Amino acid sequence: MREKRPASKTRTVMYAFESNSKGPALLDCERVLAKAKAAGIVTNYDDGRDNWPWFEAPPGASARELRDKFLQAGYTIRRL
């Protein structure tokens, strides 16, 4: 049987978002990202003052769930 390779601690994915809304913040990015950082989901982030938030995280289900939270709040993926 093949041994399972341990997850990489250096490989990360980056998600950056933008808002086309000129109104109030779509999501409390600072709170959401700080909570994710404390939980160990996110390795680096910037709340973007709710304009262009981004985060880096190891690839996996937790990062995708956080990404989906932003998308459901009305943000779109920012093309860098």
C-alpha atoms as a PDB file:
ATOM      1  CA  MET A   1       0.000   0.000   0.000  1.00  0.00           C
ATOM      2  CA  ARG A   2       1.284   3.463  -0.895  1.00  0.00           C
ATOM      3  CA  GLU A   3       1.937   5.842   1.982  1.00  0.00           C
ATOM      4  CA  LYS A   4      -0.089   9.020   2.051  1.00  0.00           C
ATOM      5  CA  ARG A   5       2.102  12.050   1.468  1.00  0.00           C
ATOM      6  CA  PRO A   6       1.766  14.701   4.206  1.00  0.00           C
ATOM      7  CA  ALA A   7       0.140  17.986   3.241  1.00  0.00           C
ATOM      8  CA  SER A   8       2.544  20.680   2.101  1.00  0.00           C
ATOM      9  CA  LYS A   9       3.048  23.450   4.618  1.00  0.00           C
ATOM     10  CA  THR A  10       4.464  25.848   2.013  1.00  0.00           C
ATOM     11  CA  ARG A  11       1.998  25.489  -0.863  1.00  0.00           C
ATOM     12  CA  THR A  12      -0.774  28.081  -0.809  1.00  0.00           C
ATOM     13  CA  VAL A  13      -3.502  29.403  -3.055  1.00  0.00           C
ATOM     14  CA  MET A  14      -4.513  33.045  -3.222  1.00  0.00           C
ATOM     15  CA  TYR A  15      -8.024  34.365  -3.636  1.00  0.00           C
ATOM     16  CA  ALA A  16      -8.595  38.070  -4.330  1.00  0.00           C
ATOM     17  CA  PHE A  17     -12.041  39.614  -4.563  1.00  0.00           C
ATOM     18  CA  GLU A  18     -13.583  42.819  -5.788  1.00  0.00           C
ATOM     19  CA  SER A  19     -16.890  44.484  -5.184  1.00  0.00           C
ATOM     20  CA  ASN A  20     -18.843  46.386  -7.773  1.00  0.00           C
ATOM     21  CA  SER A  21     -21.117  47.701  -5.040  1.00  0.00           C
ATOM     22  CA  LYS A  22     -20.756  51.349  -4.135  1.00  0.00           C
ATOM     23  CA  GLY A  23     -22.946  50.905  -1.052  1.00  0.00           C
ATOM     24  CA  PRO A  24     -22.074  49.565   2.387  1.00  0.00           C
ATOM     25  CA  ALA A  25     -19.718  46.641   2.855  1.00  0.00           C
ATOM     26  CA  LEU A  26     -21.025  43.328   1.585  1.00  0.00           C
ATOM     27  CA  LEU A  27     -19.282  41.343   4.318  1.00  0.00           C
ATOM     28  CA  ASP A  28     -17.358  42.225   7.477  1.00  0.00           C
ATOM     29  CA  CYS A  29     -14.096  41.131   5.853  1.00  0.00           C
ATOM     30  CA  GLU A  30     -11.897  42.060   8.794  1.00  0.00           C
ATOM     31  CA  ARG A  31     -13.898  39.892  11.202  1.00  0.00           C
ATOM     32  CA  VAL A  32     -14.260  36.960   8.805  1.00  0.00           C
ATOM     33  CA  LEU A  33     -10.585  36.872   7.820  1.00  0.00           C
ATOM     34  CA  ALA A  34      -9.274  37.412  11.372  1.00  0.00           C
ATOM     35  CA  LYS A  35     -11.436  34.510  12.551  1.00  0.00           C
ATOM     36  CA  ALA A  36     -10.123  32.307   9.712  1.00  0.00           C
ATOM     37  CA  LYS A  37      -6.528  33.262  10.584  1.00  0.00           C
ATOM     38  CA  ALA A  38      -7.097  32.371  14.259  1.00  0.00           C
ATOM     39  CA  ALA A  39      -8.577  29.018  13.184  1.00  0.00           C
ATOM     40  CA  GLY A  40      -5.488  28.263  11.083  1.00  0.00           C
ATOM     41  CA  ILE A  41      -7.336  28.299   7.759  1.00  0.00           C
ATOM     42  CA  VAL A  42      -5.624  31.413   6.379  1.00  0.00           C
ATOM     43  CA  THR A  43      -1.873  32.035   6.351  1.00  0.00           C
ATOM     44  CA  ASN A  44      -1.968  35.653   5.149  1.00  0.00           C
ATOM     45  CA  TYR A  45      -4.690  38.170   4.314  1.00  0.00           C
ATOM     46  CA  ASP A  46      -5.688  41.784   3.796  1.00  0.00           C
ATOM     47  CA  ASP A  47      -9.256  42.836   4.489  1.00  0.00           C
ATOM     48  CA  GLY A  48      -8.951  45.482   1.760  1.00  0.00           C
ATOM     49  CA  ARG A  49     -11.202  47.855   3.685  1.00  0.00           C
ATOM     50  CA  ASP A  50     -14.026  45.841   2.125  1.00  0.00           C
ATOM     51  CA  ASN A  51     -12.933  46.925  -1.362  1.00  0.00           C
ATOM     52  CA  TRP A  52     -10.425  44.332  -2.610  1.00  0.00           C
ATOM     53  CA  PRO A  53      -9.964  41.738   0.139  1.00  0.00           C
ATOM     54  CA  TRP A  54      -7.649  38.783  -0.450  1.00  0.00           C
ATOM     55  CA  PHE A  55      -6.300  35.798   1.435  1.00  0.00           C
ATOM     56  CA  GLU A  56      -3.773  32.997   1.070  1.00  0.00           C
ATOM     57  CA  ALA A  57      -4.411  29.527   2.420  1.00  0.00           C
ATOM     58  CA  PRO A  58      -3.291  25.951   1.923  1.00  0.00           C
ATOM     59  CA  PRO A  59      -5.416  24.394  -0.841  1.00  0.00           C
ATOM     60  CA  GLY A  60      -8.351  22.365   0.370  1.00  0.00           C
ATOM     61  CA  ALA A  61     -11.949  22.325   1.488  1.00  0.00           C
ATOM     62  CA  SER A  62     -11.533  25.009   4.162  1.00  0.00           C
ATOM     63  CA  ALA A  63     -10.101  27.521   1.678  1.00  0.00           C
ATOM     64  CA  ARG A  64     -12.890  26.755  -0.803  1.00  0.00           C
ATOM     65  CA  GLU A  65     -15.556  27.236   1.886  1.00  0.00           C
ATOM     66  CA  LEU A  66     -14.087  30.622   2.792  1.00  0.00           C
ATOM     67  CA  ARG A  67     -13.925  31.570  -0.901  1.00  0.00           C
ATOM     68  CA  ASP A  68     -17.558  30.557  -1.319  1.00  0.00           C
ATOM     69  CA  LYS A  69     -18.563  32.735   1.649  1.00  0.00           C
ATOM     70  CA  PHE A  70     -17.200  35.772  -0.208  1.00  0.00           C
ATOM     71  CA  LEU A  71     -18.856  34.765  -3.468  1.00  0.00           C
ATOM     72  CA  GLN A  72     -22.229  34.249  -1.762  1.00  0.00           C
ATOM     73  CA  ALA A  73     -21.921  37.723  -0.213  1.00  0.00           C
ATOM     74  CA  GLY A  74     -21.732  39.252  -3.711  1.00  0.00           C
ATOM     75  CA  TYR A  75     -17.992  39.603  -4.290  1.00  0.00           C
ATOM     76  CA  THR A  76     -16.437  38.463  -7.545  1.00  0.00           C
ATOM     77  CA  ILE A  77     -13.035  36.902  -8.104  1.00  0.00           C
ATOM     78  CA  ARG A  78     -10.512  39.582  -9.007  1.00  0.00           C
ATOM     79  CA  ARG A  79      -8.252  38.728 -11.930  1.00  0.00           C
ATOM     80  CA  LEU A  80      -4.707  39.727 -11.112  1.00  0.00           C
END
